[in-house]
Amino acid sequence: MRMRRMKGILVVEAVVCVIFCLLRDEAPGVFSGAAAFPFEQIGMGLRRLSLSGGIGNGAAIILYILLSLVPCLIWAYMEKRGAARGIDWMLLGLSLLLFAVNYYMVNPGLFVTGVPGAGKLVLGSVFYSALSGYLLIRALLMCQSAGEDRLWKWIRGLCGFLNMVFVYLIFGTCFGDFLDAVQKVQAGDGGIYGENLMSGISEYGVTYLFLGGHYLINVMPYVFDIGIVFLSMHMLTVLEDDRYSASAAEKVDRLASFCGRALVITASADVVFNILQMIFHDRLYQTDIVIRIPVISIVFVLGVLLFARYVREDQKLKQENDLFI
């Protein structure tokens, strides 16, 4: 049931990411990007409410203060229950930061960056980075004093969070980059490709086909990472029940085998895609050569293989001890 719930959450997240990418192009002033959500929409709503009249302006000010005080209210609630830690003082700093973020979201013209239209993304990204830093530090502190059962839950929760990150990279970041590449080709990059694009729909279609292929190549590692996370969760569940069982060793071996195949397929796909681009170079108006050195993936695969060997050795020692007894 837990896996089904997670899969459902990931599907919903993927749909939301695709919708955001499409809305970003259709309404750039309303949906600048995922990093600005929901502050951008809240800022627009408060601004419209403020401009509606005196009563609306007063209501907008009250809502602005209440929304910015949310981290402080969370800290007060945890302090009342006796669950607050020293690190939770960061919530007060997050409230101060939220005051600034919400203010500039309501008045975006006061926050100007060197890159046009990037102000809201900068504001949202700064807040999310501070929030993630607080959550990471607090999670580490809780893990240090947690028991074994609690640690197993934290590990499973971390696996679920990793899958959410991978889904965002697939359907948010990479899909957004794919749409940007398509728009760049359609616009002719300021006229550089304009005449070529009118020369024939077939050549135009080949470029689209390779842009789609480049998107698939980019997301392939993340797709395999999602599979690795699900297999890891199955493995952790079996290890938690009985780390010396044959099923535990089988799960570890399966994970190691999947990691190895995923690495081979990813590397081979990069090579094949680059060769195809070389073959069709005269029909492409945008070329993206993929050069990927998966050092982290190699280290991870070696670590899983080593872990699988340790599990097998522990299983053999347990069987020998049982026979001796």
Protein backbone atom coordinates (compact mmCIF):
# COMPACT_ATOMS: atom_id res chain seq x y z
CA MET A 1 0.00 0.00 0.00
CA ARG A 2 2.88 2.32 0.84
CA MET A 3 4.42 1.74 -2.58
CA ARG A 4 1.08 2.35 -4.29
CA ARG A 5 0.69 5.62 -2.43
CA MET A 6 4.16 6.72 -3.42
CA LYS A 7 3.57 5.82 -7.07
CA GLY A 8 0.34 7.80 -7.01
CA ILE A 9 2.14 10.82 -5.55
CA LEU A 10 4.84 10.60 -8.21
CA VAL A 11 2.25 10.43 -11.00
CA VAL A 12 0.47 13.51 -9.64
CA GLU A 13 3.79 15.33 -9.32
CA ALA A 14 4.71 14.49 -12.92
CA VAL A 15 1.38 15.82 -14.21
CA VAL A 16 1.74 19.01 -12.17
CA CYS A 17 5.30 19.56 -13.45
CA VAL A 18 4.20 19.17 -17.09
CA ILE A 19 1.30 21.57 -16.54
CA PHE A 20 3.64 24.12 -14.98
CA CYS A 21 6.06 23.87 -17.89
CA LEU A 22 3.23 24.44 -20.37
CA LEU A 23 1.73 27.29 -18.33
CA ARG A 24 5.15 28.90 -18.06
CA ASP A 25 5.15 29.37 -21.83
CA GLU A 26 1.48 30.33 -22.07
CA ALA A 27 1.44 32.73 -19.08
CA PRO A 28 5.03 33.68 -18.20
CA GLY A 29 3.91 36.51 -15.93
CA VAL A 30 1.85 34.15 -13.78
CA PHE A 31 3.98 30.99 -13.82
CA SER A 32 7.64 31.97 -13.99
CA GLY A 33 8.75 28.55 -12.79
CA ALA A 34 8.42 25.95 -10.07
CA ALA A 35 10.92 27.79 -7.84
CA ALA A 36 8.58 30.79 -7.64
CA PHE A 37 5.51 28.72 -6.71
CA PRO A 38 3.36 29.51 -4.75
CA PHE A 39 4.90 32.86 -3.76
CA GLU A 40 4.40 34.35 -7.22
CA GLN A 41 0.69 33.53 -7.31
CA ILE A 42 0.22 34.67 -3.68
CA GLY A 43 1.97 37.95 -4.48
CA MET A 44 -0.27 38.56 -7.49
CA GLY A 45 -3.38 37.80 -5.46
CA LEU A 46 -2.34 40.13 -2.62
CA ARG A 47 -1.50 42.88 -5.07
CA ARG A 48 -4.91 42.66 -6.76
CA LEU A 49 -6.62 42.60 -3.37
CA SER A 50 -4.63 45.64 -2.24
CA LEU A 51 -5.57 47.63 -5.35
CA SER A 52 -9.27 46.80 -4.99
CA GLY A 53 -9.86 49.50 -2.36
CA GLY A 54 -9.35 50.44 1.27
CA ILE A 55 -10.90 47.30 2.74
CA GLY A 56 -9.06 45.13 0.26
CA ASN A 57 -5.77 46.86 1.09
CA GLY A 58 -6.27 46.20 4.81
CA ALA A 59 -7.14 42.56 4.16
CA ALA A 60 -4.07 42.20 1.93
CA ILE A 61 -1.81 43.57 4.70
CA ILE A 62 -3.26 41.18 7.27
CA LEU A 63 -2.88 38.20 4.93
CA TYR A 64 0.67 39.27 4.08
CA ILE A 65 1.62 39.33 7.78
CA LEU A 66 -0.09 36.02 8.57
CA LEU A 67 1.46 34.19 5.62
CA SER A 68 4.92 35.50 6.48
CA LEU A 69 4.51 34.44 10.12
CA VAL A 70 3.76 30.79 9.27
CA PRO A 71 7.29 29.56 10.21
CA CYS A 72 7.08 31.47 13.50
CA LEU A 73 3.70 29.91 14.25
CA ILE A 74 5.16 26.46 13.57
CA TRP A 75 8.01 27.22 15.98
CA ALA A 76 5.56 28.41 18.66
CA TYR A 77 3.51 25.22 18.26
CA MET A 78 6.60 22.99 18.58
CA GLU A 79 7.82 25.02 21.57
CA LYS A 80 4.46 24.61 23.30
CA ARG A 81 4.58 20.83 22.81
CA GLY A 82 8.19 20.67 23.99
CA ALA A 83 9.36 19.30 20.63
CA ALA A 84 11.47 22.31 19.62
CA ARG A 85 15.23 21.98 19.24
CA GLY A 86 17.99 24.56 19.05
CA ILE A 87 18.02 24.41 15.26
CA ASP A 88 14.32 25.36 15.20
CA TRP A 89 15.33 28.96 15.89
CA MET A 90 16.01 29.03 12.17
CA LEU A 91 12.23 29.17 11.71
CA LEU A 92 12.29 32.74 13.01
CA GLY A 93 14.88 33.60 10.38
CA LEU A 94 12.74 31.89 7.74
CA SER A 95 9.84 34.15 8.75
CA LEU A 96 12.00 37.24 8.26
CA LEU A 97 13.08 35.92 4.87
CA LEU A 98 9.46 35.17 3.99
CA PHE A 99 8.51 38.77 4.80
CA ALA A 100 11.05 39.95 2.22
CA VAL A 101 10.11 37.34 -0.39
CA ASN A 102 6.37 38.04 -0.14
CA TYR A 103 6.96 41.81 -0.22
CA TYR A 104 8.96 41.66 -3.44
CA MET A 105 6.50 39.19 -4.95
CA VAL A 106 3.74 41.73 -4.33
CA ASN A 107 5.99 44.48 -5.74
CA PRO A 108 8.17 42.66 -8.34
CA GLY A 109 9.27 45.94 -9.92
CA LEU A 110 11.34 46.73 -6.81
CA PHE A 111 13.48 43.58 -7.22
CA VAL A 112 15.36 43.90 -10.50
CA THR A 113 18.08 41.46 -11.60
CA GLY A 114 20.52 41.54 -14.48
CA VAL A 115 18.54 38.77 -16.18
CA PRO A 116 15.07 39.97 -17.21
CA GLY A 117 12.26 37.98 -15.61
CA ALA A 118 14.54 36.10 -13.20
CA GLY A 119 13.70 38.09 -10.07
CA LYS A 120 10.84 35.88 -8.90
CA LEU A 121 12.87 32.73 -9.52
CA VAL A 122 15.74 34.14 -7.46
CA LEU A 123 13.43 35.00 -4.56
CA GLY A 124 11.76 31.60 -4.54
CA SER A 125 15.03 29.73 -4.92
CA VAL A 126 16.63 31.59 -1.99
CA PHE A 127 13.74 30.73 0.32
CA TYR A 128 13.61 27.07 -0.76
CA SER A 129 17.38 26.73 -0.30
CA ALA A 130 17.11 28.12 3.25
CA LEU A 131 14.15 25.85 4.00
CA SER A 132 15.89 22.75 2.65
CA GLY A 133 19.02 23.59 4.67
CA TYR A 134 16.97 23.83 7.86
CA LEU A 135 15.12 20.58 7.16
CA LEU A 136 18.36 18.75 6.34
CA ILE A 137 20.12 19.86 9.52
CA ARG A 138 17.08 19.03 11.66
CA ALA A 139 16.75 15.59 10.05
CA LEU A 140 20.41 14.82 10.75
CA LEU A 141 20.04 15.87 14.39
CA MET A 142 16.97 13.67 14.78
CA CYS A 143 18.74 10.72 13.17
CA GLN A 144 21.62 10.95 15.64
CA SER A 145 19.32 10.28 18.57
CA ALA A 146 16.90 7.95 16.81
CA GLY A 147 16.59 4.22 17.39
CA GLU A 148 16.95 1.52 14.75
CA ASP A 149 13.24 1.42 13.89
CA ARG A 150 13.18 5.19 13.53
CA LEU A 151 16.23 5.12 11.28
CA TRP A 152 14.57 2.59 8.97
CA LYS A 153 11.60 4.96 8.61
CA TRP A 154 13.90 7.90 7.90
CA ILE A 155 15.72 5.93 5.21
CA ARG A 156 12.45 4.99 3.51
CA GLY A 157 11.31 8.60 3.72
CA LEU A 158 14.56 9.74 2.16
CA CYS A 159 14.08 7.25 -0.68
CA GLY A 160 10.63 8.67 -1.32
CA PHE A 161 12.03 12.20 -1.34
CA LEU A 162 14.73 11.17 -3.82
CA ASN A 163 12.07 9.80 -6.17
CA MET A 164 10.21 13.10 -5.97
CA VAL A 165 13.43 14.92 -6.91
CA PHE A 166 14.00 12.60 -9.87
CA VAL A 167 10.42 13.09 -11.11
CA TYR A 168 10.87 16.85 -10.90
CA LEU A 169 14.09 16.62 -12.90
CA ILE A 170 12.39 14.48 -15.57
CA PHE A 171 9.11 16.33 -15.98
CA GLY A 172 10.14 19.73 -14.68
CA THR A 173 13.71 20.72 -15.44
CA CYS A 174 14.48 18.48 -18.44
CA PHE A 175 11.01 18.84 -19.97
CA GLY A 176 11.27 22.61 -19.61
CA ASP A 177 14.67 22.55 -21.33
CA PHE A 178 13.13 20.47 -24.14
CA LEU A 179 10.37 23.05 -24.66
CA ASP A 180 12.96 25.84 -24.67
CA ALA A 181 14.98 24.01 -27.33
CA VAL A 182 11.87 23.54 -29.49
CA GLN A 183 10.99 27.22 -29.19
CA LYS A 184 14.55 28.17 -30.07
CA VAL A 185 14.38 26.18 -33.29
CA GLN A 186 10.93 27.54 -34.13
CA ALA A 187 12.10 31.11 -33.60
CA GLY A 188 15.13 30.47 -35.78
CA ASP A 189 17.41 31.90 -33.08
CA GLY A 190 17.04 35.45 -34.30
CA GLY A 191 16.87 34.54 -37.98
CA ILE A 192 20.00 32.39 -38.18
CA TYR A 193 17.95 29.31 -39.07
CA GLY A 194 14.94 31.10 -40.52
CA GLU A 195 15.55 30.24 -44.16
CA ASN A 196 16.52 26.68 -43.37
CA LEU A 197 13.33 26.05 -41.41
CA MET A 198 11.22 27.04 -44.43
CA SER A 199 13.12 24.74 -46.75
CA GLY A 200 11.12 21.62 -45.91
CA ILE A 201 8.92 20.13 -43.23
CA SER A 202 10.84 16.85 -43.30
CA GLU A 203 14.11 18.46 -42.21
CA TYR A 204 12.23 20.39 -39.57
CA GLY A 205 10.77 17.11 -38.31
CA VAL A 206 14.20 15.46 -38.08
CA THR A 207 15.36 18.26 -35.81
CA TYR A 208 12.30 17.78 -33.62
CA LEU A 209 12.96 14.04 -33.52
CA PHE A 210 16.51 14.52 -32.30
CA LEU A 211 15.41 17.10 -29.74
CA GLY A 212 13.05 14.49 -28.37
CA GLY A 213 15.87 11.94 -28.42
CA HIS A 214 18.11 14.34 -26.51
CA TYR A 215 15.38 14.74 -23.89
CA LEU A 216 15.10 10.97 -23.50
CA ILE A 217 18.87 10.63 -23.20
CA ASN A 218 18.94 13.29 -20.50
CA VAL A 219 16.14 11.76 -18.42
CA MET A 220 17.25 8.13 -18.83
CA PRO A 221 19.61 8.19 -15.81
CA TYR A 222 16.86 9.66 -13.63
CA VAL A 223 14.40 6.99 -14.79
CA PHE A 224 16.88 4.30 -13.81
CA ASP A 225 17.47 6.12 -10.50
CA ILE A 226 13.74 5.86 -9.73
CA GLY A 227 13.90 2.12 -10.41
CA ILE A 228 16.98 1.83 -8.18
CA VAL A 229 15.19 3.65 -5.37
CA PHE A 230 12.15 1.35 -5.56
CA LEU A 231 14.37 -1.74 -5.57
CA SER A 232 16.31 -0.27 -2.63
CA MET A 233 13.09 0.20 -0.69
CA HIS A 234 12.10 -3.43 -1.33
CA MET A 235 15.58 -4.48 -0.22
CA LEU A 236 15.43 -2.38 2.96
CA THR A 237 12.05 -3.85 3.87
CA VAL A 238 13.42 -7.40 3.60
CA LEU A 239 16.63 -6.49 5.46
CA GLU A 240 14.59 -4.96 8.26
CA ASP A 241 12.63 -8.20 8.68
CA ASP A 242 15.61 -10.59 8.47
CA ARG A 243 18.97 -9.46 7.16
CA TYR A 244 20.29 -13.03 7.02
CA SER A 245 17.51 -14.51 4.92
CA ALA A 246 17.95 -15.80 1.38
CA SER A 247 15.35 -13.26 0.24
CA ALA A 248 17.51 -10.41 1.55
CA ALA A 249 20.55 -11.62 -0.38
CA GLU A 250 18.38 -12.07 -3.48
CA LYS A 251 17.10 -8.50 -3.24
CA VAL A 252 20.62 -7.13 -2.88
CA ASP A 253 21.86 -9.15 -5.86
CA ARG A 254 18.90 -7.95 -7.91
CA LEU A 255 19.66 -4.33 -7.03
CA ALA A 256 23.33 -4.75 -7.94
CA SER A 257 22.44 -6.37 -11.27
CA PHE A 258 19.95 -3.62 -12.11
CA CYS A 259 22.50 -0.90 -11.29
CA GLY A 260 25.06 -2.51 -13.58
CA ARG A 261 22.61 -2.86 -16.48
CA ALA A 262 21.40 0.71 -16.02
CA LEU A 263 24.96 2.04 -16.22
CA VAL A 264 25.70 0.03 -19.38
CA ILE A 265 22.47 1.08 -21.10
CA THR A 266 22.98 4.76 -20.24
CA ALA A 267 26.55 4.82 -21.52
CA SER A 268 25.59 2.92 -24.69
CA ALA A 269 22.65 5.26 -25.39
CA ASP A 270 24.95 8.28 -25.20
CA VAL A 271 27.32 6.78 -27.75
CA VAL A 272 24.53 5.72 -30.14
CA PHE A 273 22.86 9.13 -29.95
CA ASN A 274 26.12 10.95 -30.70
CA ILE A 275 26.80 8.68 -33.69
CA LEU A 276 23.28 9.29 -35.05
CA GLN A 277 23.82 13.03 -34.75
CA MET A 278 27.04 12.69 -36.71
CA ILE A 279 25.25 10.71 -39.44
CA PHE A 280 22.37 13.19 -39.76
CA HIS A 281 24.41 16.33 -39.09
CA ASP A 282 23.45 17.96 -42.40
CA ARG A 283 19.73 17.74 -41.55
CA LEU A 284 19.94 19.07 -37.99
CA TYR A 285 19.64 22.72 -37.03
CA GLN A 286 20.61 22.08 -33.43
CA THR A 287 23.18 19.57 -32.24
CA ASP A 288 23.75 18.49 -28.64
CA ILE A 289 26.69 16.14 -28.20
CA VAL A 290 26.33 14.11 -25.01
CA ILE A 291 29.57 13.50 -23.13
CA ARG A 292 28.78 11.93 -19.79
CA ILE A 293 31.34 10.47 -17.38
CA PRO A 294 29.19 8.76 -14.72
CA VAL A 295 31.78 8.67 -11.94
CA ILE A 296 29.16 8.86 -9.18
CA SER A 297 27.11 6.10 -10.79
CA ILE A 298 30.19 3.88 -11.08
CA VAL A 299 31.05 4.44 -7.43
CA PHE A 300 27.45 3.71 -6.44
CA VAL A 301 27.38 0.47 -8.45
CA LEU A 302 30.67 -0.64 -6.90
CA GLY A 303 29.29 0.19 -3.45
CA VAL A 304 26.15 -1.86 -4.08
CA LEU A 305 28.19 -4.78 -5.39
CA LEU A 306 30.40 -4.63 -2.30
CA PHE A 307 27.34 -4.46 -0.06
CA ALA A 308 25.86 -7.48 -1.86
CA ARG A 309 29.05 -9.41 -1.21
CA TYR A 310 28.93 -8.52 2.50
CA VAL A 311 25.31 -9.68 2.74
CA ARG A 312 26.20 -12.96 1.09
CA GLU A 313 29.12 -13.46 3.47
CA ASP A 314 26.93 -12.68 6.50
CA GLN A 315 24.37 -15.17 5.24
CA LYS A 316 27.02 -17.89 4.89
CA LEU A 317 28.36 -17.18 8.40
CA LYS A 318 24.85 -17.34 9.84
CA GLN A 319 24.20 -20.70 8.11
CA GLU A 320 27.52 -22.07 9.38
CA ASN A 321 26.78 -20.94 12.93
CA ASP A 322 23.32 -22.53 12.77
CA LEU A 323 24.83 -25.83 11.58
CA PHE A 324 27.45 -25.70 14.34
CA ILE A 325 24.84 -25.11 17.02
